């Protein structure tokens, strides 16, 4: 299948990363792209941002304009391990049944670090093909470690292709009885007792699906690390968000190179026409006038503080394009996404 242009959005908590991801996806769809936006954020805010119910399958999202198409996914982290095993063993039903009964697997289910991200990317890879997606937007978890999943395909390939897995899978007898064989296997049997059978069986079943695993792994790696992949760091005009952005930029530079852009949410104050209207109204009392004046002073103070942080980001990361997005007041999440999409339309390269 042809690979889509991939945009991975990363940022700390509370910076509007999910909203920015949804707005970017809508911008691309309005340009005529077939876009899939996927959230691997356990907080699951993407559904609210788009105003639709989402799950582990791509759902069409209605658009108000544009010739493209927009789909969204939000895999459930509670089902991650079994979902991945079902996909991995979909052509090996008997091996799948044995794996699900394996006690080692049952202990590991939903406890493997990074499993949710792995499952989300596996489902994404399949949805890209199913819906002929030309642009993919990935909303990562709000964490300084959110981009670590970039390295998962390589790490998993080394795990499954390593000598340890090969040796452990060979412990299982070819007749299907999950007991160790050979001198080393018998030694392990004496040390671990019945548990060694589960250990041998677990890795023995994994060895059966190496080809399938390689296929999935290569697909995920192409989406995350291919020539059509771009990484965007999302921040807000606060000191904490600035520091999170700096950390993520350094991390990305070590993993894949310089990010394509730094997006700063709420970097521009909105026009406050309502304040001018109230100030000039004949019905406005002196007390209301003083309240409006205080609100205006506070807004000016916040605008100066925001500008200071934005200028600091520009100085620190002068070699990275900085996209400023406006602060959008008290609207529904979907309306916020639509307004930010309009702002992004002049910033995202065609």
Protein backbone atom coordinates (compact mmCIF):
# COMPACT_ATOMS: atom_id res chain seq x y z
CA UNK A 1 0.00 0.00 0.00
CA UNK A 2 1.13 3.62 -0.52
CA UNK A 3 2.39 5.26 2.65
CA UNK A 4 0.59 8.38 3.94
CA UNK A 5 2.19 11.59 5.08
CA UNK A 6 2.43 11.08 8.85
CA UNK A 7 2.30 13.85 11.46
CA UNK A 8 3.10 12.88 15.06
CA UNK A 9 2.03 15.48 17.65
CA UNK A 10 3.82 15.36 21.01
CA UNK A 11 3.63 17.65 24.04
CA UNK A 12 3.26 17.89 27.79
CA UNK A 13 -0.03 17.81 29.66
CA UNK A 14 -2.55 20.62 29.36
CA UNK A 15 -1.10 22.28 26.25
CA UNK A 16 -4.03 21.49 23.92
CA UNK A 17 -2.19 18.75 22.02
CA UNK A 18 -5.28 16.69 21.22
CA UNK A 19 -7.18 19.76 20.05
CA UNK A 20 -4.24 20.79 17.86
CA UNK A 21 -4.03 17.26 16.43
CA UNK A 22 -7.73 17.26 15.57
CA UNK A 23 -7.43 20.75 14.03
CA UNK A 24 -4.46 19.66 11.91
CA UNK A 25 -6.38 16.60 10.69
CA UNK A 26 -9.38 18.77 9.79
CA UNK A 27 -7.12 21.24 7.95
CA UNK A 28 -5.64 18.47 5.81
CA UNK A 29 -9.07 16.96 5.11
CA UNK A 30 -10.40 20.37 4.01
CA UNK A 31 -7.55 20.47 1.50
CA UNK A 32 -8.78 17.27 -0.10
CA UNK A 33 -6.73 14.63 1.75
CA UNK A 34 -8.14 11.38 3.11
CA UNK A 35 -7.07 11.83 6.72
CA UNK A 36 -6.96 9.50 9.72
CA UNK A 37 -6.38 11.00 13.17
CA UNK A 38 -5.50 8.52 15.92
CA UNK A 39 -5.20 9.19 19.64
CA UNK A 40 -2.96 7.01 21.78
CA UNK A 41 -3.59 9.34 24.72
CA UNK A 42 -5.17 7.27 27.54
CA UNK A 43 -7.19 10.37 28.55
CA UNK A 44 -9.25 9.78 25.37
CA UNK A 45 -10.10 13.45 24.66
CA UNK A 46 -10.19 13.11 20.87
CA UNK A 47 -13.85 12.05 20.85
CA UNK A 48 -14.82 15.23 22.69
CA UNK A 49 -12.72 17.37 20.36
CA UNK A 50 -14.44 15.98 17.27
CA UNK A 51 -17.89 15.49 18.79
CA UNK A 52 -18.17 11.80 17.82
CA UNK A 53 -18.04 8.41 19.52
CA UNK A 54 -14.73 6.66 18.84
CA UNK A 55 -13.17 3.26 19.42
CA UNK A 56 -10.63 0.88 17.92
CA UNK A 57 -12.02 1.13 14.38
CA UNK A 58 -11.79 4.15 12.10
CA UNK A 59 -14.98 6.25 12.28
CA UNK A 60 -15.98 8.81 9.64
CA UNK A 61 -16.19 12.38 10.95
CA UNK A 62 -18.53 14.87 9.31
CA UNK A 63 -16.90 18.00 7.86
CA UNK A 64 -18.43 21.38 7.11
CA UNK A 65 -16.28 22.05 4.02
CA UNK A 66 -13.61 20.54 1.78
CA UNK A 67 -13.38 17.69 -0.69
CA UNK A 68 -11.41 15.26 1.47
CA UNK A 69 -12.47 12.75 4.11
CA UNK A 70 -11.76 12.59 7.84
CA UNK A 71 -11.62 9.43 9.95
CA UNK A 72 -10.75 9.07 13.63
CA UNK A 73 -9.71 6.23 15.98
CA UNK A 74 -9.23 5.97 19.72
CA UNK A 75 -8.19 2.40 20.73
CA UNK A 76 -9.11 1.31 24.26
CA UNK A 77 -5.97 0.70 26.38
CA UNK A 78 -7.84 -1.85 28.51
CA UNK A 79 -7.94 -4.34 25.63
CA UNK A 80 -4.44 -3.71 24.26
CA UNK A 81 -2.65 -7.01 24.89
CA UNK A 82 -5.42 -9.33 23.72
CA UNK A 83 -6.14 -7.14 20.69
CA UNK A 84 -2.51 -7.37 19.64
CA UNK A 85 -2.37 -11.14 20.21
CA UNK A 86 -5.59 -11.61 18.19
CA UNK A 87 -4.07 -9.68 15.28
CA UNK A 88 -0.75 -11.48 15.54
CA UNK A 89 -2.36 -14.94 15.56
CA UNK A 90 -5.31 -14.27 13.24
CA UNK A 91 -4.08 -16.98 10.84
CA UNK A 92 -3.16 -19.43 13.64
CA UNK A 93 -6.42 -20.12 15.55
CA UNK A 94 -5.12 -23.21 17.39
CA UNK A 95 -1.94 -21.42 18.47
CA UNK A 96 -4.07 -18.44 19.57
CA UNK A 97 -6.18 -20.70 21.77
CA UNK A 98 -3.06 -22.16 23.39
CA UNK A 99 -1.58 -18.71 23.92
CA UNK A 100 -4.72 -17.37 25.61
CA UNK A 101 -4.61 -20.32 28.02
CA UNK A 102 -0.91 -19.86 28.75
CA UNK A 103 -0.43 -18.73 32.36
CA UNK A 104 2.56 -16.54 31.53
CA UNK A 105 0.49 -14.70 28.92
CA UNK A 106 -2.34 -14.25 31.41
CA UNK A 107 0.08 -12.69 33.87
CA UNK A 108 1.45 -10.31 31.21
CA UNK A 109 -1.90 -9.32 29.72
CA UNK A 110 -2.36 -5.53 29.92
CA UNK A 111 0.83 -5.25 31.99
CA UNK A 112 3.43 -4.91 29.25
CA UNK A 113 4.88 -1.36 29.10
CA UNK A 114 4.08 0.34 25.81
CA UNK A 115 1.50 -2.25 24.80
CA UNK A 116 -1.25 0.33 24.27
CA UNK A 117 0.94 2.32 21.87
CA UNK A 118 1.91 -0.88 20.05
CA UNK A 119 -1.71 -1.95 19.59
CA UNK A 120 -2.78 1.54 18.53
CA UNK A 121 -0.10 1.65 15.83
CA UNK A 122 -1.00 -1.87 14.64
CA UNK A 123 -4.66 -0.91 14.28
CA UNK A 124 -3.59 2.33 12.60
CA UNK A 125 -1.49 0.48 10.05
CA UNK A 126 -4.48 -1.66 9.09
CA UNK A 127 -6.89 1.32 8.97
CA UNK A 128 -4.54 3.27 6.70
CA UNK A 129 -4.81 0.50 4.12
CA UNK A 130 -8.53 -0.11 4.60
CA UNK A 131 -9.54 3.55 4.10
CA UNK A 132 -6.83 4.49 1.56
CA UNK A 133 -5.53 7.19 3.88
CA UNK A 134 -3.22 9.82 2.37
CA UNK A 135 -2.46 11.72 5.59
CA UNK A 136 -2.15 10.40 9.14
CA UNK A 137 -2.14 12.45 12.37
CA UNK A 138 -1.07 10.74 15.61
CA UNK A 139 -1.96 12.29 18.96
CA UNK A 140 0.52 10.94 21.53
CA UNK A 141 0.13 10.70 25.29
CA UNK A 142 0.78 13.95 27.23
CA UNK A 143 4.17 13.06 28.63
CA UNK A 144 7.86 13.82 28.29
CA UNK A 145 8.25 10.12 27.42
CA UNK A 146 5.50 10.17 24.81
CA UNK A 147 7.87 9.85 21.87
CA UNK A 148 9.63 6.77 23.22
CA UNK A 149 7.21 4.56 21.28
CA UNK A 150 9.11 5.57 18.13
CA UNK A 151 11.75 3.04 19.12
CA UNK A 152 9.30 0.19 19.83
CA UNK A 153 9.39 -1.43 16.37
CA UNK A 154 13.17 -1.78 16.46
CA UNK A 155 13.21 -2.99 20.07
CA UNK A 156 10.47 -5.57 19.43
CA UNK A 157 12.18 -6.82 16.30
CA UNK A 158 15.35 -7.39 18.29
CA UNK A 159 13.37 -9.14 21.03
CA UNK A 160 11.54 -11.60 18.80
CA UNK A 161 14.53 -12.21 16.57
CA UNK A 162 17.01 -12.57 19.40
CA UNK A 163 18.82 -15.70 20.53
CA UNK A 164 16.96 -15.85 23.82
CA UNK A 165 13.56 -16.16 22.15
CA UNK A 166 14.90 -18.73 19.69
CA UNK A 167 16.37 -20.83 22.48
CA UNK A 168 13.31 -20.53 24.75
CA UNK A 169 10.93 -21.46 21.93
CA UNK A 170 13.03 -24.54 21.21
CA UNK A 171 12.38 -25.79 24.74
CA UNK A 172 8.87 -26.78 23.75
CA UNK A 173 8.56 -30.29 22.28
CA UNK A 174 7.53 -30.54 18.68
CA UNK A 175 4.55 -32.72 19.63
CA UNK A 176 2.87 -29.69 21.24
CA UNK A 177 3.49 -30.72 24.83
CA UNK A 178 4.87 -27.61 26.49
CA UNK A 179 7.71 -29.20 28.45
CA UNK A 180 11.42 -28.47 28.05
CA UNK A 181 13.80 -30.71 26.18
CA UNK A 182 17.57 -31.07 26.20
CA UNK A 183 20.00 -30.84 29.10
CA UNK A 184 19.51 -27.10 29.64
CA UNK A 185 15.76 -27.49 29.41
CA UNK A 186 15.73 -30.21 32.05
CA UNK A 187 17.83 -28.01 34.32
CA UNK A 188 15.32 -25.19 33.93
CA UNK A 189 12.54 -27.67 34.62
CA UNK A 190 14.12 -28.57 37.95
CA UNK A 191 14.65 -24.90 38.86
CA UNK A 192 11.33 -23.43 37.72
CA UNK A 193 9.08 -26.44 38.00
CA UNK A 194 5.73 -26.28 36.14
CA UNK A 195 6.30 -22.63 35.19
CA UNK A 196 8.96 -23.57 32.66
CA UNK A 197 6.30 -25.20 30.49
CA UNK A 198 4.39 -21.93 30.28
CA UNK A 199 7.62 -20.09 29.52
CA UNK A 200 8.54 -22.48 26.71
CA UNK A 201 4.99 -22.48 25.37
CA UNK A 202 4.74 -18.69 25.36
CA UNK A 203 7.88 -18.20 23.28
CA UNK A 204 7.16 -21.26 21.19
CA UNK A 205 3.85 -19.78 20.05
CA UNK A 206 5.51 -16.41 19.35
CA UNK A 207 8.04 -18.19 17.15
CA UNK A 208 5.16 -19.50 15.00
CA UNK A 209 4.09 -15.98 14.01
CA UNK A 210 7.47 -14.38 13.39
CA UNK A 211 6.59 -13.70 9.77
CA UNK A 212 3.36 -11.97 10.73
CA UNK A 213 5.16 -9.99 13.40
CA UNK A 214 7.80 -8.83 10.92
CA UNK A 215 5.03 -7.65 8.56
CA UNK A 216 3.30 -5.64 11.30
CA UNK A 217 6.58 -4.32 12.62
CA UNK A 218 7.76 -3.09 9.22
CA UNK A 219 4.43 -1.38 8.64
CA UNK A 220 4.60 0.46 11.96
CA UNK A 221 8.22 1.46 11.39
CA UNK A 222 7.38 2.88 7.97
CA UNK A 223 4.58 5.00 9.42
CA UNK A 224 6.71 6.33 12.27
CA UNK A 225 10.18 6.53 10.75
CA UNK A 226 9.67 6.67 7.00
CA UNK A 227 10.62 9.51 4.68
CA UNK A 228 7.05 10.85 4.87
CA UNK A 229 7.02 11.20 8.67
CA UNK A 230 7.05 14.58 10.44
CA UNK A 231 7.10 15.33 14.18
CA UNK A 232 5.37 18.36 15.67
CA UNK A 233 5.94 19.53 19.25
CA UNK A 234 2.91 21.23 20.83
CA UNK A 235 3.35 23.75 23.63
CA UNK A 236 1.48 26.52 25.45
CA UNK A 237 2.72 29.97 26.57
CA UNK A 238 3.71 28.85 30.07
CA UNK A 239 7.09 28.18 31.66
CA UNK A 240 6.30 24.51 32.34
CA UNK A 241 5.12 23.91 28.76
CA UNK A 242 8.22 25.69 27.43
CA UNK A 243 10.47 23.34 29.43
CA UNK A 244 8.50 20.26 28.33
CA UNK A 245 8.83 21.37 24.70
CA UNK A 246 12.59 21.86 25.06
CA UNK A 247 12.96 18.35 26.49
CA UNK A 248 10.86 16.76 23.73
CA UNK A 249 12.79 18.61 21.04
CA UNK A 250 16.10 17.33 22.44
CA UNK A 251 14.67 13.81 22.66
CA UNK A 252 13.37 13.88 19.10
CA UNK A 253 16.67 15.23 17.79
CA UNK A 254 18.36 12.15 19.26
CA UNK A 255 15.75 9.73 17.91
CA UNK A 256 14.85 11.00 14.46
CA UNK A 257 16.16 14.53 13.90
CA UNK A 258 14.78 18.04 14.12
CA UNK A 259 10.99 18.41 14.55
CA UNK A 260 9.12 19.86 11.57
CA UNK A 261 7.44 22.57 13.65
CA UNK A 262 6.74 23.88 17.12
CA UNK A 263 3.04 24.64 17.63
CA UNK A 264 2.19 27.11 20.40
CA UNK A 265 -1.46 27.05 21.44
CA UNK A 266 -3.13 30.16 22.86
CA UNK A 267 -0.15 32.24 21.74
CA UNK A 268 -2.32 35.10 20.50
CA UNK A 269 -4.99 36.84 22.57
CA UNK A 270 -8.43 37.06 20.98
CA UNK A 271 -10.03 40.34 20.05
CA UNK A 272 -12.14 41.49 22.98
CA UNK A 273 -14.90 43.33 21.15
CA UNK A 274 -17.34 42.50 23.92
CA UNK A 275 -15.32 44.59 26.40
CA UNK A 276 -15.46 47.66 24.14
CA UNK A 277 -19.19 47.14 23.61
CA UNK A 278 -19.83 46.97 27.36
CA UNK A 279 -17.62 49.97 28.10
CA UNK A 280 -19.49 52.13 25.61
CA UNK A 281 -22.98 50.98 26.54
CA UNK A 282 -25.24 53.52 28.24
CA UNK A 283 -26.52 50.84 30.63
CA UNK A 284 -23.03 50.12 32.00
CA UNK A 285 -22.67 51.11 35.66
CA UNK A 286 -19.54 52.47 37.32
CA UNK A 287 -19.02 49.13 39.09
CA UNK A 288 -19.26 47.27 35.78
CA UNK A 289 -16.81 49.73 34.25
CA UNK A 290 -14.28 49.04 37.00
CA UNK A 291 -14.74 45.27 36.58
CA UNK A 292 -14.19 45.57 32.83
CA UNK A 293 -11.07 47.65 33.45
CA UNK A 294 -9.68 44.99 35.80
CA UNK A 295 -10.41 42.27 33.26
CA UNK A 296 -8.63 44.27 30.57
CA UNK A 297 -5.58 44.76 32.78
CA UNK A 298 -5.48 41.04 33.55
CA UNK A 299 -5.78 40.22 29.85
CA UNK A 300 -2.92 42.59 29.03
CA UNK A 301 -0.77 41.06 31.77
CA UNK A 302 -1.41 37.55 30.47
CA UNK A 303 -0.71 38.66 26.90
CA UNK A 304 2.68 40.10 27.95
CA UNK A 305 3.57 36.94 29.84
CA UNK A 306 2.55 34.77 26.87
CA UNK A 307 4.55 36.89 24.48
CA UNK A 308 7.60 36.55 26.71
CA UNK A 309 7.37 32.74 26.65
CA UNK A 310 6.81 32.66 22.88
CA UNK A 311 9.86 34.88 22.32
CA UNK A 312 11.87 32.57 24.58
CA UNK A 313 10.80 29.56 22.49
CA UNK A 314 11.78 31.39 19.32
CA UNK A 315 15.24 32.17 20.66
CA UNK A 316 15.86 28.65 21.97
CA UNK A 317 14.66 26.91 18.82
CA UNK A 318 15.37 29.41 16.05
CA UNK A 319 15.92 26.60 13.53
CA UNK A 320 12.40 25.17 14.01
CA UNK A 321 9.36 26.85 12.41
CA UNK A 322 7.02 28.20 15.10
CA UNK A 323 3.28 28.15 14.43
CA UNK A 324 1.24 30.45 16.70
CA UNK A 325 -2.38 29.51 17.31
CA UNK A 326 -4.91 31.89 18.88
CA UNK A 327 -6.66 31.52 22.20
CA UNK A 328 -10.27 30.54 21.45
CA UNK A 329 -12.82 31.59 24.05
CA UNK A 330 -15.71 29.55 25.54
CA UNK A 331 -16.94 27.52 22.59
CA UNK A 332 -17.74 23.82 22.23
CA UNK A 333 -14.69 21.56 21.68
CA UNK A 334 -15.67 21.01 18.03
CA UNK A 335 -15.96 24.77 17.43
CA UNK A 336 -12.51 25.27 18.95
CA UNK A 337 -11.12 22.63 16.57
CA UNK A 338 -12.74 24.33 13.59
CA UNK A 339 -11.35 27.76 14.51
CA UNK A 340 -7.86 26.38 15.07
CA UNK A 341 -8.11 24.55 11.76
CA UNK A 342 -8.77 27.88 10.05
CA UNK A 343 -5.67 29.33 11.73
CA UNK A 344 -3.55 26.32 10.71
CA UNK A 345 -4.59 26.52 7.07
CA UNK A 346 -2.09 29.34 6.47
CA UNK A 347 0.70 27.66 8.48
CA UNK A 348 0.78 24.02 7.32
CA UNK A 349 2.81 23.69 4.10
CA UNK A 350 0.85 22.43 1.11
